[in-house]
Amino acid sequence: MEVQEYDVVVVGCGISGISAAYHLSKNCPWAKFIVLERRSDLGGTWSLFKYPGIRSDSDMFTFGFGWRPWTNNKIISPKEQILEYLNGAVDDENLRQYIKFD
């Protein structure tokens, strides 16, 4: 097994982990980092829980990333739209390369 060294290890690829990856990639381009996600999907709470009707309990304009404004018309959004937003943020900023799933 090859040992790899990182300057920063981010644990979890929910909202905070995605935000950390974004800020590290933009503000610390010299830093070698990885985001570890124990599951096969990003999104944290939003991809973990499956009960019917799950949605945000706060407005998405506050909840969203400062670097990627929430543009959907729904202020209180269902999890599917939140996951679409999170995946779009990761893909648009090319952050998936830093994430290790499972």
C-alpha atoms as a PDB file:
ATOM      1  CA  MET A   1       0.000   0.000   0.000  1.00  0.00           C
ATOM      2  CA  GLU A   2       1.411   3.356  -1.071  1.00  0.00           C
ATOM      3  CA  VAL A   3       1.365   6.077   1.583  1.00  0.00           C
ATOM      4  CA  GLN A   4       0.321   9.514   0.386  1.00  0.00           C
ATOM      5  CA  GLU A   5       0.954  12.735   2.260  1.00  0.00           C
ATOM      6  CA  TYR A   6      -1.416  15.697   2.336  1.00  0.00           C
ATOM      7  CA  ASP A   7      -1.184  19.166   3.797  1.00  0.00           C
ATOM      8  CA  VAL A   8      -4.899  19.100   4.619  1.00  0.00           C
ATOM      9  CA  VAL A   9      -7.407  16.272   5.080  1.00  0.00           C
ATOM     10  CA  VAL A  10     -11.075  17.260   5.019  1.00  0.00           C
ATOM     11  CA  VAL A  11     -13.409  14.696   6.574  1.00  0.00           C
ATOM     12  CA  GLY A  12     -16.828  14.494   4.944  1.00  0.00           C
ATOM     13  CA  CYS A  13     -18.204  15.826   1.696  1.00  0.00           C
ATOM     14  CA  GLY A  14     -21.292  17.603   2.910  1.00  0.00           C
ATOM     15  CA  ILE A  15     -21.795  21.334   2.636  1.00  0.00           C
ATOM     16  CA  SER A  16     -18.843  22.215   4.874  1.00  0.00           C
ATOM     17  CA  GLY A  17     -16.492  19.746   3.208  1.00  0.00           C
ATOM     18  CA  ILE A  18     -17.395  21.055  -0.243  1.00  0.00           C
ATOM     19  CA  SER A  19     -16.877  24.624   0.933  1.00  0.00           C
ATOM     20  CA  ALA A  20     -13.497  23.718   2.454  1.00  0.00           C
ATOM     21  CA  ALA A  21     -12.414  22.091  -0.819  1.00  0.00           C
ATOM     22  CA  TYR A  22     -13.452  25.167  -2.783  1.00  0.00           C
ATOM     23  CA  HIS A  23     -11.570  27.561  -0.495  1.00  0.00           C
ATOM     24  CA  LEU A  24      -8.476  25.373  -0.398  1.00  0.00           C
ATOM     25  CA  SER A  25      -8.417  25.115  -4.190  1.00  0.00           C
ATOM     26  CA  LYS A  26      -8.800  28.885  -4.641  1.00  0.00           C
ATOM     27  CA  ASN A  27      -6.841  30.289  -1.688  1.00  0.00           C
ATOM     28  CA  CYS A  28      -4.166  27.641  -1.112  1.00  0.00           C
ATOM     29  CA  PRO A  29      -3.234  26.348  -4.562  1.00  0.00           C
ATOM     30  CA  TRP A  30       0.088  25.114  -3.164  1.00  0.00           C
ATOM     31  CA  ALA A  31      -1.632  22.833  -0.632  1.00  0.00           C
ATOM     32  CA  LYS A  32      -2.117  19.166  -1.413  1.00  0.00           C
ATOM     33  CA  PHE A  33      -5.479  18.167   0.040  1.00  0.00           C
ATOM     34  CA  ILE A  34      -8.082  15.445  -0.058  1.00  0.00           C
ATOM     35  CA  VAL A  35     -11.729  15.215   0.976  1.00  0.00           C
ATOM     36  CA  LEU A  36     -12.599  11.836   2.487  1.00  0.00           C
ATOM     37  CA  GLU A  37     -16.207  10.690   2.192  1.00  0.00           C
ATOM     38  CA  ARG A  38     -17.034   7.279   3.646  1.00  0.00           C
ATOM     39  CA  ARG A  39     -20.110   6.884   1.493  1.00  0.00           C
ATOM     40  CA  SER A  40     -20.417   6.736  -2.300  1.00  0.00           C
ATOM     41  CA  ASP A  41     -22.247  10.071  -2.645  1.00  0.00           C
ATOM     42  CA  LEU A  42     -21.519  13.621  -1.643  1.00  0.00           C
ATOM     43  CA  GLY A  43     -24.056  15.790   0.109  1.00  0.00           C
ATOM     44  CA  GLY A  44     -23.848  14.751   3.750  1.00  0.00           C
ATOM     45  CA  THR A  45     -27.271  14.949   5.386  1.00  0.00           C
ATOM     46  CA  TRP A  46     -28.922  15.613   2.051  1.00  0.00           C
ATOM     47  CA  SER A  47     -27.826  12.328   0.511  1.00  0.00           C
ATOM     48  CA  LEU A  48     -27.999  10.281   3.714  1.00  0.00           C
ATOM     49  CA  PHE A  49     -31.582  10.707   4.847  1.00  0.00           C
ATOM     50  CA  LYS A  50     -34.364   9.249   2.684  1.00  0.00           C
ATOM     51  CA  TYR A  51     -37.612  10.079   4.484  1.00  0.00           C
ATOM     52  CA  PRO A  52     -40.460  11.556   2.397  1.00  0.00           C
ATOM     53  CA  GLY A  53     -40.691  15.326   2.212  1.00  0.00           C
ATOM     54  CA  ILE A  54     -37.181  16.127   3.431  1.00  0.00           C
ATOM     55  CA  ARG A  55     -36.361  19.748   2.657  1.00  0.00           C
ATOM     56  CA  SER A  56     -34.381  22.675   3.976  1.00  0.00           C
ATOM     57  CA  ASP A  57     -35.621  24.368   7.115  1.00  0.00           C
ATOM     58  CA  SER A  58     -33.904  27.654   6.335  1.00  0.00           C
ATOM     59  CA  ASP A  59     -33.854  29.823   3.252  1.00  0.00           C
ATOM     60  CA  MET A  60     -31.495  28.657   0.555  1.00  0.00           C
ATOM     61  CA  PHE A  61     -30.116  32.129  -0.079  1.00  0.00           C
ATOM     62  CA  THR A  62     -28.546  31.993   3.406  1.00  0.00           C
ATOM     63  CA  PHE A  63     -27.797  28.275   3.256  1.00  0.00           C
ATOM     64  CA  GLY A  64     -26.039  28.327  -0.142  1.00  0.00           C
ATOM     65  CA  PHE A  65     -22.387  29.031  -0.830  1.00  0.00           C
ATOM     66  CA  GLY A  66     -21.254  32.653  -1.062  1.00  0.00           C
ATOM     67  CA  TRP A  67     -19.263  31.664  -4.142  1.00  0.00           C
ATOM     68  CA  ARG A  68     -22.248  30.014  -5.828  1.00  0.00           C
ATOM     69  CA  PRO A  69     -25.495  31.879  -5.232  1.00  0.00           C
ATOM     70  CA  TRP A  70     -28.735  29.944  -5.006  1.00  0.00           C
ATOM     71  CA  THR A  71     -30.672  30.839  -8.170  1.00  0.00           C
ATOM     72  CA  ASN A  72     -33.682  28.540  -7.872  1.00  0.00           C
ATOM     73  CA  ASN A  73     -37.026  30.250  -7.225  1.00  0.00           C
ATOM     74  CA  LYS A  74     -37.809  27.990  -4.262  1.00  0.00           C
ATOM     75  CA  ILE A  75     -36.534  29.541  -1.053  1.00  0.00           C
ATOM     76  CA  ILE A  76     -37.291  26.405   1.002  1.00  0.00           C
ATOM     77  CA  SER A  77     -36.187  23.545  -1.218  1.00  0.00           C
ATOM     78  CA  PRO A  78     -36.540  19.765  -1.324  1.00  0.00           C
ATOM     79  CA  LYS A  79     -33.454  17.622  -0.963  1.00  0.00           C
ATOM     80  CA  GLU A  80     -33.346  16.740  -4.664  1.00  0.00           C
ATOM     81  CA  GLN A  81     -32.790  20.378  -5.592  1.00  0.00           C
ATOM     82  CA  ILE A  82     -30.214  20.777  -2.839  1.00  0.00           C
ATOM     83  CA  LEU A  83     -28.286  17.733  -4.072  1.00  0.00           C
ATOM     84  CA  GLU A  84     -28.441  19.062  -7.630  1.00  0.00           C
ATOM     85  CA  TYR A  85     -27.032  22.373  -6.358  1.00  0.00           C
ATOM     86  CA  LEU A  86     -24.222  20.657  -4.402  1.00  0.00           C
ATOM     87  CA  ASN A  87     -23.261  18.364  -7.303  1.00  0.00           C
ATOM     88  CA  GLY A  88     -23.333  21.308  -9.685  1.00  0.00           C
ATOM     89  CA  ALA A  89     -21.043  23.304  -7.397  1.00  0.00           C
ATOM     90  CA  VAL A  90     -18.573  20.412  -7.167  1.00  0.00           C
ATOM     91  CA  ASP A  91     -18.580  19.803 -10.913  1.00  0.00           C
ATOM     92  CA  ASP A  92     -18.469  23.467 -11.988  1.00  0.00           C
ATOM     93  CA  GLU A  93     -15.486  24.122  -9.723  1.00  0.00           C
ATOM     94  CA  ASN A  94     -13.763  20.837 -10.654  1.00  0.00           C
ATOM     95  CA  LEU A  95     -13.674  19.703  -7.015  1.00  0.00           C
ATOM     96  CA  ARG A  96     -14.538  16.047  -7.601  1.00  0.00           C
ATOM     97  CA  GLN A  97     -10.863  15.353  -8.315  1.00  0.00           C
ATOM     98  CA  TYR A  98     -10.096  15.969  -4.627  1.00  0.00           C
ATOM     99  CA  ILE A  99     -12.823  13.672  -3.248  1.00  0.00           C
ATOM    100  CA  LYS A 100     -12.188  10.054  -2.302  1.00  0.00           C
ATOM    101  CA  PHE A 101     -15.462   8.149  -1.890  1.00  0.00           C
ATOM    102  CA  ASP A 102     -16.075   4.890   0.002  1.00  0.00           C
END
